[in-house]
Amino acid sequence: MHVASFALALLSLVGWAFASAPGSSPDDDFHLASIWCGAGERAGICEPGPSAAERRIPAGVIATTCTAFRAESASCIVVDDPYELRATDRVNADGLYPPVYYFVTSAFAGPDIWGSVAAIRIFNAVVFLAFLGALLALAPRWARAPAVLVPIVSLVPLGAFLVASVNPSSWAITSALTVMGTLLLIPSSSGRRRIGLAVLAVLAAGLGAGARADSGLFSVLAVVVALVIGLRRGRDASWLLGTGAAVVLIGALGAFAGHQSAAAGTGLLGTPPTSADEFFQLLRLDLFQVPELWAGALGEWDLGWFDVPLDAMVWVVGWAVFAMAAFAGLRRVTVRKSLALVLMLLAMWGFPLLLQIQTRAAVGAYVQPRYVLPIMVMLLVVALLDERTSAHLADHGAAQRWSVVVGLVLSNALALNAVVLRYSAGTIDSTDPDDPGWWWTDAPLLGPGVVWLLGAAAFAGLLFLVIGVGGRRLAADHEARR
């Protein structure tokens, strides 16, 4: 992946970073307040509140969610004095989430609230690309094409929206992709490459564990799957076992550093079932509805606070391409890989199902697609990241490659346009670069039309280079080796 590709990827994510107003991703009121208080008490930034569970932060930070659930974005009522400190209990005062993410991103918290939010979003996008770049640099040549394909296929639109957001799920997605990829590559590597992959796996596990408790659990799952595939008789497994042990330790620390798992286990929005009859009733209710969350991660659900509707074309194309990529990984499978894929599918199904049953809620009422997206990314890594599958990808013809390019470019452009519309003219009007409803009036060069055009064009250029041109070169190299 060349410098031009990374530049286009960053520009594409920057487009997503500027497409929506501060407070536009789920639970942003909680996450922004927690970021402002991530480094502890600071005068004018985060001060003690009336109770131990409250903190006083700038009113402008609390008010950033004023656009939530309002289709007419321009009607957002901003507080008169955004710097006045006000108390809120929507903050990580009791350690619901691990503290590392909030501590790191608190470095960007400052008096310019909108500028701070934009800086955090861009920083998270850079973190994602840095870990992906490190994975590609350490991966053998055959593994680079599938490693690039996984995020392109799985992160439109929800993943791109979250990666370039202030939500801790950004780090969880980055961690899932990197941990799974590095662990699968360690057994077939040696020397400095193997050392680098092991270090990267540990760093990525720490990144996820410092952001979300469930990310620590996903890292443990990645170790189990990697051992199923890579632990073989006659092969030196010391590096995989050692790295896996370190990742499990970090994942366990992350899982218990926050109270998310405990909150879910005790029924955050209700009480767990108390009888076998009730359990099986909830099981029947939710079991075959879980795939709705998978489709939601690929665009079937609205973005934002579930108030940014997307065209049906977005999720239809997204699901078709995701399924196409997953099935490409099934062309040649071993018993070990088959077992690993079954484990991933069970996790994709069982993790949200368990949470829904524990909260006595129907699918869609509590668990959101963003909770399942990291597992979907990991499943695609397992499906595609082996040498046989990489060779199979090279056999795809030009028509197949360009169909994927056109479909994903259209899907991304439609989704980005929907978000830009939502936070400029509202969901029912057209984008006007001069519309006074644009959320950041202090950035005159970043009007809605410019943001959409640059973001959509950058993603199109990225796919042209990576899948169009890169796919043709991959096919030529594969043909030459035959």
Protein backbone atom coordinates (compact mmCIF):
# COMPACT_ATOMS: atom_id res chain seq x y z
CA MET A 1 0.00 0.00 0.00
CA HIS A 2 1.77 3.12 -1.24
CA VAL A 3 1.96 6.57 0.30
CA ALA A 4 -0.70 7.78 -2.15
CA SER A 5 -3.09 5.09 -0.93
CA PHE A 6 -2.59 6.07 2.70
CA ALA A 7 -3.06 9.74 1.84
CA LEU A 8 -6.34 8.95 0.08
CA ALA A 9 -7.46 6.73 2.97
CA LEU A 10 -6.74 9.52 5.45
CA LEU A 11 -8.54 12.10 3.32
CA SER A 12 -11.53 9.76 3.05
CA LEU A 13 -11.69 9.36 6.83
CA VAL A 14 -11.21 13.11 7.32
CA GLY A 15 -14.29 13.52 5.15
CA TRP A 16 -16.20 11.36 7.62
CA ALA A 17 -14.66 13.28 10.53
CA PHE A 18 -16.04 16.59 9.27
CA ALA A 19 -19.32 15.28 7.88
CA SER A 20 -21.19 15.38 11.18
CA ALA A 21 -21.48 17.81 14.06
CA PRO A 22 -19.90 17.15 17.48
CA GLY A 23 -22.12 14.87 19.52
CA SER A 24 -23.36 12.96 16.48
CA SER A 25 -22.21 9.44 17.33
CA PRO A 26 -24.04 7.26 19.89
CA ASP A 27 -23.58 8.26 23.54
CA ASP A 28 -21.34 11.17 22.58
CA ASP A 29 -22.61 13.18 25.54
CA PHE A 30 -21.07 10.55 27.82
CA HIS A 31 -17.87 10.08 25.82
CA LEU A 32 -17.15 13.78 25.32
CA ALA A 33 -17.65 14.53 29.01
CA SER A 34 -15.40 11.59 29.88
CA ILE A 35 -12.72 12.84 27.46
CA TRP A 36 -12.80 16.31 28.99
CA CYS A 37 -12.32 14.66 32.40
CA GLY A 38 -9.96 11.94 31.16
CA ALA A 39 -6.87 13.54 32.72
CA GLY A 40 -8.58 14.33 36.01
CA GLU A 41 -9.57 17.70 37.35
CA ARG A 42 -8.40 20.72 35.35
CA ALA A 43 -9.51 24.28 35.86
CA GLY A 44 -12.06 25.34 33.27
CA ILE A 45 -12.03 21.88 31.67
CA CYS A 46 -13.23 19.43 34.32
CA GLU A 47 -13.99 20.32 37.92
CA PRO A 48 -15.67 18.46 40.81
CA GLY A 49 -19.47 18.26 40.69
CA PRO A 50 -22.13 18.34 43.40
CA SER A 51 -21.70 14.58 43.97
CA ALA A 52 -19.04 11.93 43.47
CA ALA A 53 -20.80 10.74 40.31
CA GLU A 54 -20.89 14.21 38.72
CA ARG A 55 -18.38 16.53 37.11
CA ARG A 56 -18.60 20.15 36.02
CA ILE A 57 -17.55 20.68 32.41
CA PRO A 58 -18.11 23.43 29.82
CA ALA A 59 -21.77 23.78 28.91
CA GLY A 60 -20.83 23.67 25.24
CA VAL A 61 -19.59 20.10 25.64
CA ILE A 62 -22.85 19.01 27.24
CA ALA A 63 -24.85 20.81 24.54
CA THR A 64 -23.10 19.12 21.61
CA THR A 65 -25.84 16.49 21.44
CA CYS A 66 -28.52 19.11 20.80
CA THR A 67 -28.77 17.85 17.22
CA ALA A 68 -29.58 14.28 18.30
CA PHE A 69 -32.93 13.01 16.98
CA ARG A 70 -33.58 16.33 15.20
CA ALA A 71 -33.88 16.00 11.44
CA GLU A 72 -33.79 19.79 11.10
CA SER A 73 -30.17 20.24 12.19
CA ALA A 74 -30.23 24.02 11.85
CA SER A 75 -32.73 24.20 14.70
CA CYS A 76 -30.11 23.06 17.21
CA ILE A 77 -30.19 25.36 20.23
CA VAL A 78 -26.68 26.19 21.43
CA VAL A 79 -26.14 27.48 24.97
CA ASP A 80 -25.50 31.20 25.42
CA ASP A 81 -22.18 30.70 27.22
CA PRO A 82 -20.46 27.48 26.07
CA TYR A 83 -17.60 28.00 28.56
CA GLU A 84 -19.82 28.14 31.66
CA LEU A 85 -19.21 25.04 33.79
CA ARG A 86 -22.26 22.86 34.38
CA ALA A 87 -22.70 19.59 36.25
CA THR A 88 -23.39 16.31 34.49
CA ASP A 89 -23.61 12.71 35.64
CA ARG A 90 -23.08 11.47 32.08
CA VAL A 91 -19.37 10.93 32.66
CA ASN A 92 -17.02 8.01 33.35
CA ALA A 93 -16.78 8.87 37.04
CA ASP A 94 -17.51 5.32 38.24
CA GLY A 95 -15.20 3.54 35.79
CA LEU A 96 -17.85 2.10 33.49
CA TYR A 97 -15.28 2.24 30.67
CA PRO A 98 -11.50 1.66 30.85
CA PRO A 99 -9.73 4.99 31.44
CA VAL A 100 -6.89 4.83 28.88
CA TYR A 101 -8.85 6.04 25.86
CA TYR A 102 -10.25 9.02 27.71
CA PHE A 103 -6.85 9.91 29.18
CA VAL A 104 -5.10 9.90 25.80
CA THR A 105 -7.77 11.84 23.92
CA SER A 106 -8.14 14.35 26.76
CA ALA A 107 -4.91 15.92 25.45
CA PHE A 108 -7.04 17.43 22.67
CA ALA A 109 -9.72 18.87 24.98
CA GLY A 110 -9.60 22.65 25.01
CA PRO A 111 -11.65 25.83 24.83
CA ASP A 112 -12.37 25.38 21.11
CA ILE A 113 -14.89 22.57 21.49
CA TRP A 114 -15.56 21.99 17.80
CA GLY A 115 -11.86 22.13 16.96
CA SER A 116 -11.11 19.69 19.79
CA VAL A 117 -13.69 17.21 18.53
CA ALA A 118 -12.34 17.45 14.98
CA ALA A 119 -8.79 16.89 16.26
CA ILE A 120 -9.83 13.77 18.20
CA ARG A 121 -11.62 12.35 15.18
CA ILE A 122 -8.62 12.90 12.92
CA PHE A 123 -6.29 11.48 15.59
CA ASN A 124 -8.36 8.29 15.80
CA ALA A 125 -8.30 7.99 12.01
CA VAL A 126 -4.50 8.34 12.07
CA VAL A 127 -4.26 5.69 14.81
CA PHE A 128 -6.27 3.30 12.65
CA LEU A 129 -4.11 3.89 9.59
CA ALA A 130 -0.91 3.67 11.64
CA PHE A 131 -1.79 0.22 12.97
CA LEU A 132 -2.97 -0.93 9.54
CA GLY A 133 0.23 0.41 8.00
CA ALA A 134 2.35 -1.40 10.57
CA LEU A 135 0.47 -4.64 9.88
CA LEU A 136 1.04 -4.27 6.14
CA ALA A 137 4.72 -3.43 6.62
CA LEU A 138 5.28 -6.57 8.71
CA ALA A 139 3.08 -8.89 6.66
CA PRO A 140 4.58 -11.14 3.97
CA ARG A 141 3.81 -10.11 0.41
CA TRP A 142 1.00 -12.63 -0.08
CA ALA A 143 -0.86 -11.32 3.01
CA ARG A 144 -0.96 -7.64 2.06
CA ALA A 145 -3.82 -7.81 -0.44
CA PRO A 146 -6.27 -9.57 1.92
CA ALA A 147 -5.14 -7.38 4.84
CA VAL A 148 -6.06 -4.27 2.84
CA LEU A 149 -9.28 -5.78 1.52
CA VAL A 150 -10.72 -6.55 4.97
CA PRO A 151 -11.20 -2.95 6.20
CA ILE A 152 -12.31 -1.72 2.77
CA VAL A 153 -15.04 -4.35 2.59
CA SER A 154 -16.20 -4.32 6.21
CA LEU A 155 -16.06 -0.68 7.31
CA VAL A 156 -18.50 1.04 4.93
CA PRO A 157 -20.45 2.84 6.25
CA LEU A 158 -20.62 2.27 10.02
CA GLY A 159 -16.96 1.43 10.50
CA ALA A 160 -15.75 4.55 8.71
CA PHE A 161 -18.22 6.66 10.69
CA LEU A 162 -16.93 5.20 13.98
CA VAL A 163 -13.21 5.10 13.19
CA ALA A 164 -13.32 8.85 12.50
CA SER A 165 -15.35 9.64 15.63
CA VAL A 166 -14.74 10.28 19.33
CA ASN A 167 -16.38 6.97 20.23
CA PRO A 168 -14.11 4.36 21.92
CA SER A 169 -15.40 1.86 19.36
CA SER A 170 -12.87 3.45 16.99
CA TRP A 171 -10.01 1.87 18.93
CA ALA A 172 -11.95 -1.39 19.35
CA ILE A 173 -12.23 -1.76 15.57
CA THR A 174 -8.54 -0.94 15.07
CA SER A 175 -7.59 -3.44 17.76
CA ALA A 176 -9.75 -6.27 16.39
CA LEU A 177 -8.31 -5.96 12.89
CA THR A 178 -4.69 -5.75 14.07
CA VAL A 179 -4.73 -8.40 16.81
CA MET A 180 -6.42 -10.99 14.61
CA GLY A 181 -4.14 -10.27 11.67
CA THR A 182 -0.87 -10.35 13.62
CA LEU A 183 -1.68 -13.54 15.51
CA LEU A 184 -2.53 -15.38 12.30
CA LEU A 185 0.76 -14.31 10.69
CA ILE A 186 3.12 -15.08 13.60
CA PRO A 187 3.31 -18.90 13.08
CA SER A 188 4.54 -18.55 9.48
CA SER A 189 6.98 -15.71 10.24
CA SER A 190 10.52 -15.61 11.57
CA GLY A 191 13.25 -13.22 12.66
CA ARG A 192 12.53 -9.52 12.94
CA ARG A 193 9.18 -9.88 11.21
CA ARG A 194 7.95 -12.27 13.88
CA ILE A 195 9.22 -10.00 16.66
CA GLY A 196 7.51 -7.02 15.06
CA LEU A 197 4.21 -8.89 14.68
CA ALA A 198 4.32 -9.98 18.33
CA VAL A 199 4.98 -6.43 19.53
CA LEU A 200 2.22 -5.06 17.30
CA ALA A 201 -0.24 -7.67 18.60
CA VAL A 202 0.46 -6.66 22.20
CA LEU A 203 0.18 -2.95 21.40
CA ALA A 204 -3.10 -3.47 19.54
CA ALA A 205 -4.50 -5.54 22.39
CA GLY A 206 -3.60 -2.74 24.79
CA LEU A 207 -5.24 -0.20 22.48
CA GLY A 208 -8.53 -2.06 22.50
CA ALA A 209 -8.44 -2.98 26.18
CA GLY A 210 -7.89 0.67 27.05
CA ALA A 211 -11.03 1.70 25.18
CA ARG A 212 -13.74 -0.89 25.75
CA ALA A 213 -14.09 -3.89 28.05
CA ASP A 214 -15.56 -6.06 25.30
CA SER A 215 -12.51 -5.33 23.14
CA GLY A 216 -10.46 -7.23 25.69
CA LEU A 217 -12.79 -10.19 25.25
CA PHE A 218 -12.39 -9.97 21.47
CA SER A 219 -8.60 -10.15 21.91
CA VAL A 220 -8.99 -13.33 23.94
CA LEU A 221 -11.21 -14.73 21.18
CA ALA A 222 -8.53 -13.86 18.62
CA VAL A 223 -5.96 -15.86 20.60
CA VAL A 224 -8.23 -18.91 20.72
CA VAL A 225 -8.87 -18.75 16.98
CA ALA A 226 -5.18 -18.21 16.19
CA LEU A 227 -4.24 -21.25 18.30
CA VAL A 228 -6.82 -23.38 16.50
CA ILE A 229 -5.26 -22.46 13.15
CA GLY A 230 -1.58 -22.08 14.03
CA LEU A 231 -0.86 -24.58 16.80
CA ARG A 232 0.44 -27.62 14.91
CA ARG A 233 2.67 -30.58 15.64
CA GLY A 234 6.23 -30.10 14.48
CA ARG A 235 6.00 -26.30 14.31
CA ASP A 236 7.64 -24.01 16.84
CA ALA A 237 4.69 -22.48 18.67
CA SER A 238 6.60 -20.64 21.38
CA TRP A 239 6.12 -17.20 19.83
CA LEU A 240 2.42 -17.73 19.23
CA LEU A 241 1.91 -19.09 22.75
CA GLY A 242 3.95 -16.31 24.35
CA THR A 243 2.28 -13.54 22.39
CA GLY A 244 -1.11 -15.13 22.95
CA ALA A 245 -0.52 -15.26 26.70
CA ALA A 246 0.41 -11.57 26.76
CA VAL A 247 -2.66 -10.66 24.69
CA VAL A 248 -4.93 -12.72 26.96
CA LEU A 249 -3.49 -11.02 30.05
CA ILE A 250 -4.01 -7.56 28.55
CA GLY A 251 -7.48 -8.50 27.34
CA ALA A 252 -8.46 -9.79 30.78
CA LEU A 253 -7.18 -6.62 32.43
CA GLY A 254 -9.18 -4.55 29.97
CA ALA A 255 -12.31 -6.61 30.44
CA PHE A 256 -12.23 -6.02 34.18
CA ALA A 257 -10.83 -2.47 34.11
CA GLY A 258 -14.27 -1.21 33.13
CA HIS A 259 -17.64 -2.26 34.47
CA GLN A 260 -19.27 -2.76 31.07
CA SER A 261 -19.20 -6.54 31.28
CA ALA A 262 -20.63 -6.54 34.78
CA ALA A 263 -23.30 -4.06 33.77
CA ALA A 264 -24.35 -6.24 30.87
CA GLY A 265 -24.22 -9.37 32.96
CA THR A 266 -26.58 -7.96 35.56
CA GLY A 267 -28.93 -6.49 32.98
CA LEU A 268 -28.11 -2.85 32.44
CA LEU A 269 -31.61 -2.03 31.22
CA GLY A 270 -33.43 -4.75 33.11
CA THR A 271 -32.95 -7.95 35.05
CA PRO A 272 -31.73 -11.28 33.62
CA PRO A 273 -34.28 -14.09 33.12
CA THR A 274 -35.11 -15.85 36.36
CA SER A 275 -36.44 -19.15 35.02
CA ALA A 276 -35.72 -21.64 32.26
CA ASP A 277 -39.07 -20.92 30.61
CA GLU A 278 -38.30 -17.21 30.45
CA PHE A 279 -34.81 -17.91 29.11
CA PHE A 280 -36.09 -20.06 26.25
CA GLN A 281 -38.83 -17.57 25.48
CA LEU A 282 -36.22 -14.84 25.08
CA LEU A 283 -34.03 -17.23 23.10
CA ARG A 284 -36.85 -17.86 20.62
CA LEU A 285 -37.50 -14.12 20.41
CA ASP A 286 -33.91 -13.11 19.63
CA LEU A 287 -32.15 -16.11 18.07
CA PHE A 288 -33.00 -15.51 14.42
CA GLN A 289 -33.10 -11.72 14.68
CA VAL A 290 -29.37 -11.35 15.41
CA PRO A 291 -28.42 -11.12 11.70
CA GLU A 292 -30.26 -7.80 11.65
CA LEU A 293 -27.29 -6.44 13.62
CA TRP A 294 -24.89 -7.71 10.97
CA ALA A 295 -26.85 -5.94 8.24
CA GLY A 296 -27.00 -2.88 10.49
CA ALA A 297 -23.21 -2.74 10.64
CA LEU A 298 -23.17 -2.60 6.84
CA GLY A 299 -25.71 0.20 6.53
CA GLU A 300 -29.17 -1.24 7.18
CA TRP A 301 -29.42 0.75 10.43
CA ASP A 302 -29.38 4.53 10.52
CA LEU A 303 -26.13 6.28 11.46
CA GLY A 304 -25.65 8.90 14.18
CA TRP A 305 -28.06 8.48 17.06
CA PHE A 306 -30.02 6.24 14.67
CA ASP A 307 -31.43 9.42 13.15
CA VAL A 308 -29.52 9.53 9.85
CA PRO A 309 -31.42 7.28 7.41
CA LEU A 310 -29.46 5.68 4.59
CA ASP A 311 -30.56 4.57 1.14
CA ALA A 312 -31.26 0.84 0.85
CA MET A 313 -28.55 0.65 -1.80
CA VAL A 314 -25.94 1.22 0.92
CA TRP A 315 -26.60 -1.92 2.93
CA VAL A 316 -27.56 -4.08 -0.05
CA VAL A 317 -24.21 -3.39 -1.72
CA GLY A 318 -22.35 -3.58 1.60
CA TRP A 319 -23.82 -6.95 2.52
CA ALA A 320 -23.31 -8.35 -0.98
CA VAL A 321 -19.62 -7.38 -1.05
CA PHE A 322 -19.03 -8.59 2.52
CA ALA A 323 -20.64 -11.94 1.75
CA MET A 324 -18.68 -12.19 -1.50
CA ALA A 325 -15.42 -11.65 0.36
CA ALA A 326 -16.33 -14.11 3.11
CA PHE A 327 -17.28 -16.80 0.61
CA ALA A 328 -14.03 -16.21 -1.28
CA GLY A 329 -12.32 -17.43 1.89
CA LEU A 330 -14.32 -20.67 1.79
CA ARG A 331 -13.03 -21.84 -1.57
CA ARG A 332 -10.14 -23.73 -0.01
CA VAL A 333 -10.42 -24.47 3.68
CA THR A 334 -8.71 -26.86 6.03
CA VAL A 335 -10.32 -28.51 9.01
CA ARG A 336 -8.59 -26.01 11.30
CA LYS A 337 -9.74 -23.01 9.32
CA SER A 338 -13.28 -24.41 9.17
CA LEU A 339 -13.31 -24.79 12.95
CA ALA A 340 -11.94 -21.25 13.39
CA LEU A 341 -14.64 -19.80 11.13
CA VAL A 342 -17.32 -21.69 13.05
CA LEU A 343 -15.98 -20.22 16.30
CA MET A 344 -16.09 -16.72 14.81
CA LEU A 345 -19.63 -17.22 13.53
CA LEU A 346 -20.73 -18.49 16.94
CA ALA A 347 -19.20 -15.40 18.54
CA MET A 348 -20.91 -13.14 16.00
CA TRP A 349 -24.20 -14.78 16.87
CA GLY A 350 -23.76 -15.66 20.52
CA PHE A 351 -22.23 -12.46 21.92
CA PRO A 352 -25.14 -10.15 21.00
CA LEU A 353 -27.68 -12.89 21.70
CA LEU A 354 -26.39 -13.35 25.25
CA LEU A 355 -26.51 -9.61 25.92
CA GLN A 356 -30.05 -9.37 24.57
CA ILE A 357 -31.24 -12.24 26.74
CA GLN A 358 -29.54 -10.82 29.83
CA THR A 359 -31.25 -7.47 29.30
CA ARG A 360 -34.63 -9.00 28.38
CA ALA A 361 -34.65 -6.93 25.22
CA ALA A 362 -35.53 -7.64 21.62
CA VAL A 363 -32.79 -7.27 19.02
CA GLY A 364 -32.29 -3.58 18.36
CA ALA A 365 -33.42 -2.39 21.77
CA TYR A 366 -30.06 -2.60 23.55
CA VAL A 367 -27.23 -4.20 21.57
CA GLN A 368 -26.16 -2.05 18.64
CA PRO A 369 -24.40 -3.08 15.41
CA ARG A 370 -21.21 -1.32 16.53
CA TYR A 371 -20.83 -3.89 19.31
CA VAL A 372 -20.74 -6.71 16.74
CA LEU A 373 -18.70 -4.98 14.02
CA PRO A 374 -15.26 -5.87 15.50
CA ILE A 375 -16.19 -9.57 15.43
CA MET A 376 -17.32 -9.23 11.81
CA VAL A 377 -13.95 -7.69 10.96
CA MET A 378 -12.17 -10.56 12.72
CA LEU A 379 -14.24 -13.16 10.86
CA LEU A 380 -13.25 -11.62 7.54
CA VAL A 381 -9.58 -11.64 8.59
CA VAL A 382 -9.81 -15.35 9.37
CA ALA A 383 -11.57 -16.02 6.06
CA LEU A 384 -9.11 -14.14 3.85
CA LEU A 385 -5.72 -14.08 5.57
CA ASP A 386 -4.12 -17.29 4.38
CA GLU A 387 -1.85 -17.98 1.43
CA ARG A 388 -4.27 -20.18 -0.49
CA THR A 389 -7.05 -17.61 -0.30
CA SER A 390 -4.67 -14.84 -1.32
CA ALA A 391 -3.85 -16.80 -4.47
CA HIS A 392 -7.57 -17.27 -5.11
CA LEU A 393 -8.14 -13.51 -4.83
CA ALA A 394 -5.62 -13.04 -7.62
CA ASP A 395 -7.79 -15.22 -9.88
CA HIS A 396 -10.70 -12.77 -9.77
CA GLY A 397 -11.26 -11.14 -13.14
CA ALA A 398 -11.42 -7.46 -13.99
CA ALA A 399 -15.23 -7.49 -14.09
CA GLN A 400 -15.39 -8.81 -10.52
CA ARG A 401 -12.84 -6.30 -9.23
CA TRP A 402 -14.47 -3.30 -10.87
CA SER A 403 -17.93 -4.40 -9.72
CA VAL A 404 -16.67 -4.23 -6.14
CA VAL A 405 -15.06 -0.84 -6.77
CA VAL A 406 -18.18 0.68 -8.31
CA GLY A 407 -20.48 -0.79 -5.66
CA LEU A 408 -18.43 0.36 -2.67
CA VAL A 409 -17.72 3.80 -4.14
CA LEU A 410 -21.45 4.31 -4.66
CA SER A 411 -22.30 2.96 -1.20
CA ASN A 412 -19.75 5.18 0.53
CA ALA A 413 -20.78 8.27 -1.45
CA LEU A 414 -24.47 7.76 -0.64
CA ALA A 415 -23.81 7.20 3.07
CA LEU A 416 -21.46 10.17 3.37
CA ASN A 417 -23.96 12.35 1.52
CA ALA A 418 -26.72 11.32 3.92
CA VAL A 419 -24.61 12.33 6.92
CA VAL A 420 -23.56 15.64 5.34
CA LEU A 421 -27.19 16.43 4.53
CA ARG A 422 -28.28 15.57 8.05
CA TYR A 423 -25.89 18.07 9.60
CA SER A 424 -26.31 20.88 7.09
CA ALA A 425 -29.71 21.30 5.48
CA GLY A 426 -31.50 18.50 7.31
CA THR A 427 -32.59 15.12 5.99
CA ILE A 428 -35.35 16.39 3.71
CA ASP A 429 -33.52 19.15 1.81
CA SER A 430 -30.60 19.21 -0.60
CA THR A 431 -26.99 20.02 0.23
CA ASP A 432 -26.20 23.69 -0.23
CA PRO A 433 -22.54 24.70 0.31
CA ASP A 434 -23.74 28.08 1.56
CA ASP A 435 -26.44 26.73 3.86
CA PRO A 436 -26.23 28.54 7.23
CA GLY A 437 -27.17 25.32 8.97
CA TRP A 438 -23.69 23.87 8.44
CA TRP A 439 -22.42 22.87 11.85
CA TRP A 440 -18.98 24.53 11.76
CA THR A 441 -19.43 28.13 10.64
CA ASP A 442 -15.88 29.01 11.77
CA ALA A 443 -14.40 26.76 9.07
CA PRO A 444 -15.47 28.54 5.86
CA LEU A 445 -13.43 26.30 3.56
CA LEU A 446 -15.11 23.16 4.90
CA GLY A 447 -18.66 23.55 3.70
CA PRO A 448 -20.87 20.48 3.26
CA GLY A 449 -20.37 20.27 -0.50
CA VAL A 450 -16.59 20.38 -0.18
CA VAL A 451 -16.53 17.77 2.59
CA TRP A 452 -18.71 15.37 0.64
CA LEU A 453 -16.85 15.81 -2.63
CA LEU A 454 -13.38 15.40 -1.10
CA GLY A 455 -14.38 12.44 1.07
CA ALA A 456 -16.21 10.58 -1.69
CA ALA A 457 -13.54 11.30 -4.31
CA ALA A 458 -10.73 10.21 -1.98
CA PHE A 459 -12.44 6.88 -1.29
CA ALA A 460 -13.02 6.37 -5.01
CA GLY A 461 -9.35 7.07 -5.69
CA LEU A 462 -8.32 4.68 -2.92
CA LEU A 463 -10.36 1.82 -4.37
CA PHE A 464 -9.11 2.59 -7.87
CA LEU A 465 -5.51 2.21 -6.66
CA VAL A 466 -5.95 -0.69 -4.23
CA ILE A 467 -8.52 -2.91 -5.96
CA GLY A 468 -8.43 -1.72 -9.54
CA VAL A 469 -4.73 -1.18 -10.21
CA GLY A 470 -3.45 -3.27 -7.29
CA GLY A 471 -5.72 -6.18 -8.16
CA ARG A 472 -4.47 -6.20 -11.73
CA ARG A 473 -0.85 -6.27 -10.54
CA LEU A 474 -1.64 -9.04 -8.07
CA ALA A 475 -3.18 -11.11 -10.85
CA ALA A 476 -0.17 -10.50 -13.10
CA ASP A 477 2.29 -11.50 -10.36
CA HIS A 478 0.29 -14.63 -9.59
CA GLU A 479 0.20 -15.58 -13.27
CA ALA A 480 3.96 -15.08 -13.57
CA ARG A 481 4.61 -17.45 -10.65
CA ARG A 482 2.58 -20.27 -12.19
